[in-house]
Amino acid sequence: MKFKCIVAAIAVLCVGSITCSAGTIQSYTDVLGGTPAADFDTFPDGTLISMQYPGLTFTQNGGPWYPNGGQPMINVYPWLYGYGSSSDSGVLTGSTNSGAPFPTVEGIVIQFARLQSKVEVFLSDTSPLGDYPVTAFASDGSVLQTFTVVGTSILPPGYTGCGNFLFPPPGCFPLPGVYVGFIDATADIASIQIGPSTAYGDAFAIDDLRMGTIPEPSSLLLLGSGLLGAVGVLRRKINL
């Protein structure tokens, strides 16, 4: 009986790991979980963000392979253009460094020093005017996946801004936005780009970047072999 239970547990572990399929994330609740790799809460308003977070590079306006010096900026209370802070005290918006007509309207690019298989970020906009493309790129610059967040779907059902629709106070629930991202079967995501909006001058912000890697198949096979070996030893002991 003990042997059968152990084999069943291993089967569940292997299936649960191997069947993680490629897909996109669009959810009003956090999907990946854990502590964000970047939450933008410790910088004063107007700080240009580039490489302050280890293993991450933030750029804008021009895509991940031809950055022209633009850097997103921290935006905290009282928030520009109607944003509420999605989690705590700061969100990341666009800046005018790259020639944007005003802050917060540029597409934001996040490059990873290490290839990722799971990436998630909170897309926030309290007054959506257009739709927002979200794209994942491989290390050679090719598009891995892309999808578009329809503007009308950004704000969750029941969102009221806690009494101030355009300027929700910190901690307001539900949050003014949606979690977006990607889950691939292998670690192949070199960068992602959020936005810009399909509507000119449509401002937005991002917050709470999470990421991670799924074990490669070879690692899973080694893990499975080790567990099966342990089961064999245990079975022999039981038979004795």
Protein backbone atom coordinates (compact mmCIF):
# COMPACT_ATOMS: atom_id res chain seq x y z
CA MET A 1 0.00 0.00 0.00
CA LYS A 2 2.81 2.43 0.90
CA PHE A 3 4.58 1.66 -2.38
CA LYS A 4 1.46 2.38 -4.43
CA CYS A 5 0.95 5.69 -2.65
CA ILE A 6 4.55 6.79 -3.36
CA VAL A 7 4.27 5.89 -7.07
CA ALA A 8 1.02 7.85 -7.32
CA ALA A 9 2.64 10.89 -5.71
CA ILE A 10 5.52 10.78 -8.20
CA ALA A 11 3.07 10.53 -11.11
CA VAL A 12 1.25 13.63 -9.91
CA LEU A 13 4.52 15.53 -9.48
CA CYS A 14 5.75 14.69 -12.99
CA VAL A 15 2.46 15.41 -14.70
CA GLY A 16 2.05 18.68 -12.83
CA SER A 17 5.49 19.86 -13.98
CA ILE A 18 5.64 18.58 -17.54
CA THR A 19 2.17 19.65 -18.61
CA CYS A 20 2.78 23.36 -17.96
CA SER A 21 1.70 24.54 -21.40
CA ALA A 22 2.63 27.72 -23.25
CA GLY A 23 0.08 30.48 -22.91
CA THR A 24 -0.75 34.04 -22.01
CA ILE A 25 -1.79 35.65 -18.75
CA GLN A 26 -4.68 38.08 -18.50
CA SER A 27 -6.22 38.01 -15.04
CA TYR A 28 -7.62 40.38 -12.42
CA THR A 29 -5.73 38.41 -9.77
CA ASP A 30 -2.03 37.57 -9.48
CA VAL A 31 -1.24 34.30 -11.30
CA LEU A 32 2.46 33.64 -10.64
CA GLY A 33 2.50 34.58 -6.96
CA GLY A 34 5.52 35.29 -4.80
CA THR A 35 7.43 38.50 -4.16
CA PRO A 36 7.69 40.86 -7.15
CA ALA A 37 11.12 41.23 -8.74
CA ALA A 38 10.34 44.93 -9.22
CA ASP A 39 7.63 46.92 -7.43
CA PHE A 40 8.89 50.52 -7.92
CA ASP A 41 8.00 51.51 -4.37
CA THR A 42 11.37 52.72 -3.05
CA PHE A 43 12.16 55.53 -5.50
CA PRO A 44 11.09 59.19 -5.38
CA ASP A 45 8.71 60.52 -7.99
CA GLY A 46 10.36 61.20 -11.34
CA THR A 47 13.26 58.74 -10.93
CA LEU A 48 14.37 57.40 -14.32
CA ILE A 49 14.45 53.62 -14.16
CA SER A 50 16.90 51.62 -16.25
CA MET A 51 19.02 49.01 -14.43
CA GLN A 52 18.27 49.60 -10.75
CA TYR A 53 16.86 46.07 -10.38
CA PRO A 54 19.43 43.24 -10.78
CA GLY A 55 18.99 41.25 -13.99
CA LEU A 56 16.44 43.69 -15.44
CA THR A 57 16.77 46.54 -17.94
CA PHE A 58 13.88 48.95 -18.55
CA THR A 59 13.67 50.96 -21.78
CA GLN A 60 10.94 52.52 -23.91
CA ASN A 61 10.13 53.86 -27.38
CA GLY A 62 11.85 51.80 -30.05
CA GLY A 63 11.54 48.20 -28.96
CA PRO A 64 13.96 45.94 -27.13
CA TRP A 65 16.61 45.80 -29.84
CA TYR A 66 16.91 49.48 -30.81
CA PRO A 67 16.51 51.48 -27.61
CA ASN A 68 17.14 55.18 -28.16
CA GLY A 69 17.91 56.22 -24.62
CA GLY A 70 14.37 56.50 -23.34
CA GLN A 71 13.80 55.39 -19.76
CA PRO A 72 10.53 54.85 -17.91
CA MET A 73 9.98 56.88 -14.76
CA ILE A 74 8.60 56.27 -11.30
CA ASN A 75 5.23 57.87 -10.76
CA VAL A 76 3.93 58.16 -7.19
CA TYR A 77 1.17 60.10 -5.46
CA PRO A 78 -0.51 62.31 -6.57
CA TRP A 79 0.02 60.32 -9.76
CA LEU A 80 0.08 61.70 -13.25
CA TYR A 81 -2.86 61.49 -15.62
CA GLY A 82 -5.21 59.69 -13.28
CA TYR A 83 -3.29 56.62 -12.15
CA GLY A 84 -3.81 55.04 -8.82
CA SER A 85 -0.99 53.03 -7.33
CA SER A 86 -1.81 49.40 -8.06
CA SER A 87 -0.12 47.92 -5.02
CA ASP A 88 1.55 50.43 -2.73
CA SER A 89 3.31 53.73 -3.31
CA GLY A 90 4.71 53.69 -6.84
CA VAL A 91 4.05 52.64 -10.43
CA LEU A 92 6.22 52.80 -13.57
CA THR A 93 5.18 55.02 -16.46
CA GLY A 94 6.80 56.39 -19.60
CA SER A 95 9.05 59.46 -19.60
CA THR A 96 9.69 62.27 -22.08
CA ASN A 97 13.40 61.40 -22.39
CA SER A 98 12.94 59.65 -25.71
CA GLY A 99 10.89 62.42 -27.28
CA ALA A 100 7.42 61.42 -26.06
CA PRO A 101 4.99 64.38 -26.03
CA PHE A 102 4.32 63.82 -22.33
CA PRO A 103 5.05 61.11 -19.74
CA THR A 104 3.25 57.78 -19.41
CA VAL A 105 2.31 57.17 -23.06
CA GLU A 106 5.26 55.12 -24.37
CA GLY A 107 5.48 51.35 -24.63
CA ILE A 108 7.64 49.96 -21.82
CA VAL A 109 10.23 47.26 -22.54
CA ILE A 110 11.67 44.91 -19.92
CA GLN A 111 14.79 42.92 -20.85
CA PHE A 112 15.95 39.96 -18.77
CA ALA A 113 19.59 39.08 -18.18
CA ARG A 114 18.50 35.44 -17.98
CA LEU A 115 15.91 33.83 -20.24
CA GLN A 116 12.57 33.38 -18.50
CA SER A 117 9.65 30.99 -18.98
CA LYS A 118 7.13 32.85 -16.81
CA VAL A 119 6.63 36.62 -16.79
CA GLU A 120 3.79 38.68 -15.32
CA VAL A 121 3.24 42.41 -14.81
CA PHE A 122 0.32 44.50 -13.62
CA LEU A 123 -1.06 46.83 -16.33
CA SER A 124 -2.87 49.81 -14.82
CA ASP A 125 -5.08 52.45 -16.42
CA THR A 126 -8.01 54.16 -14.74
CA SER A 127 -9.28 55.72 -17.97
CA PRO A 128 -8.45 53.46 -20.96
CA LEU A 129 -8.82 55.07 -24.38
CA GLY A 130 -7.38 52.35 -26.59
CA ASP A 131 -6.14 48.76 -26.52
CA TYR A 132 -2.72 47.58 -25.30
CA PRO A 133 -0.51 45.05 -27.15
CA VAL A 134 1.65 42.82 -24.93
CA THR A 135 4.55 41.01 -26.65
CA ALA A 136 7.23 38.49 -25.68
CA PHE A 137 10.52 38.39 -27.60
CA ALA A 138 13.19 35.72 -28.00
CA SER A 139 16.92 36.44 -27.66
CA ASP A 140 17.22 36.99 -31.44
CA GLY A 141 14.49 39.63 -31.39
CA SER A 142 11.80 37.45 -32.94
CA VAL A 143 8.28 37.55 -31.54
CA LEU A 144 7.42 34.53 -29.39
CA GLN A 145 3.87 35.50 -28.49
CA THR A 146 1.72 38.58 -28.62
CA PHE A 147 -1.81 39.48 -27.62
CA THR A 148 -3.87 42.61 -27.16
CA VAL A 149 -5.58 43.69 -23.97
CA VAL A 150 -8.84 45.37 -24.95
CA GLY A 151 -9.16 48.70 -23.16
CA THR A 152 -12.64 47.94 -21.87
CA SER A 153 -11.30 44.84 -20.12
CA ILE A 154 -8.56 46.59 -18.12
CA LEU A 155 -10.75 47.72 -15.24
CA PRO A 156 -12.22 44.79 -13.30
CA PRO A 157 -15.96 44.34 -12.78
CA GLY A 158 -17.13 46.33 -9.79
CA TYR A 159 -14.27 48.84 -9.91
CA THR A 160 -15.32 52.12 -8.27
CA GLY A 161 -11.97 53.69 -7.37
CA CYS A 162 -13.00 53.51 -3.72
CA GLY A 163 -14.83 56.79 -4.10
CA ASN A 164 -12.48 58.38 -6.65
CA PHE A 165 -12.62 56.58 -10.00
CA LEU A 166 -9.65 58.35 -11.62
CA PHE A 167 -7.48 58.78 -8.51
CA PRO A 168 -8.05 55.71 -6.33
CA PRO A 169 -6.30 55.82 -2.95
CA PRO A 170 -3.50 53.37 -2.07
CA GLY A 171 -4.84 49.96 -1.18
CA CYS A 172 -8.06 50.42 -3.15
CA PHE A 173 -9.73 47.13 -4.09
CA PRO A 174 -10.35 45.89 -6.69
CA LEU A 175 -7.16 47.21 -8.26
CA PRO A 176 -7.46 49.46 -11.33
CA GLY A 177 -5.94 47.12 -13.89
CA VAL A 178 -5.16 43.59 -15.02
CA TYR A 179 -2.22 41.18 -14.69
CA VAL A 180 -0.72 40.32 -18.08
CA GLY A 181 2.14 38.10 -19.18
CA PHE A 182 3.28 34.78 -20.57
CA ILE A 183 3.96 31.19 -19.51
CA ASP A 184 6.16 29.18 -21.91
CA ALA A 185 7.08 25.51 -21.73
CA THR A 186 10.78 26.42 -21.89
CA ALA A 187 12.87 29.39 -20.76
CA ASP A 188 12.99 31.42 -23.98
CA ILE A 189 11.61 34.86 -23.09
CA ALA A 190 14.37 37.48 -23.43
CA SER A 191 12.17 40.55 -23.10
CA ILE A 192 8.60 41.76 -23.09
CA GLN A 193 6.96 44.99 -24.21
CA ILE A 194 3.76 46.44 -22.78
CA GLY A 195 1.98 49.03 -24.93
CA PRO A 196 1.90 51.62 -26.24
CA SER A 197 -1.85 52.06 -26.48
CA THR A 198 -3.50 52.01 -29.88
CA ALA A 199 -4.97 55.44 -28.99
CA TYR A 200 -2.68 58.46 -29.25
CA GLY A 201 -1.80 59.97 -25.89
CA ASP A 202 -3.39 57.13 -23.91
CA ALA A 203 -1.51 56.96 -20.60
CA PHE A 204 -0.87 53.79 -18.60
CA ALA A 205 1.38 52.36 -15.91
CA ILE A 206 2.86 49.01 -14.90
CA ASP A 207 3.67 47.55 -11.51
CA ASP A 208 4.66 44.36 -9.64
CA LEU A 209 6.80 42.48 -12.17
CA ARG A 210 7.07 38.77 -11.43
CA MET A 211 9.06 36.17 -13.35
CA GLY A 212 10.48 32.66 -13.10
CA THR A 213 11.66 29.62 -14.98
CA ILE A 214 10.12 26.19 -15.51
CA PRO A 215 12.64 23.31 -15.16
CA GLU A 216 13.93 22.02 -18.47
CA PRO A 217 12.75 18.52 -19.54
CA SER A 218 16.23 17.09 -18.88
CA SER A 219 16.08 18.33 -15.29
CA LEU A 220 12.64 16.82 -14.84
CA LEU A 221 13.88 13.48 -16.19
CA LEU A 222 16.79 13.50 -13.76
CA LEU A 223 14.42 14.33 -10.91
CA GLY A 224 12.05 11.56 -11.96
CA SER A 225 14.91 9.04 -12.26
CA GLY A 226 16.14 9.91 -8.79
CA LEU A 227 12.68 9.56 -7.28
CA LEU A 228 12.08 6.24 -9.03
CA GLY A 229 15.42 5.00 -7.76
CA ALA A 230 14.45 5.96 -4.23
CA VAL A 231 11.16 4.10 -4.68
CA GLY A 232 13.03 1.00 -5.82
CA VAL A 233 15.20 1.04 -2.72
CA LEU A 234 12.16 1.56 -0.49
CA ARG A 235 10.29 -1.26 -2.19
CA ARG A 236 13.15 -3.67 -1.62
CA LYS A 237 13.20 -2.71 2.07
CA ILE A 238 9.45 -3.27 2.31
CA ASN A 239 9.76 -6.71 0.68
CA LEU A 240 12.46 -7.64 3.15
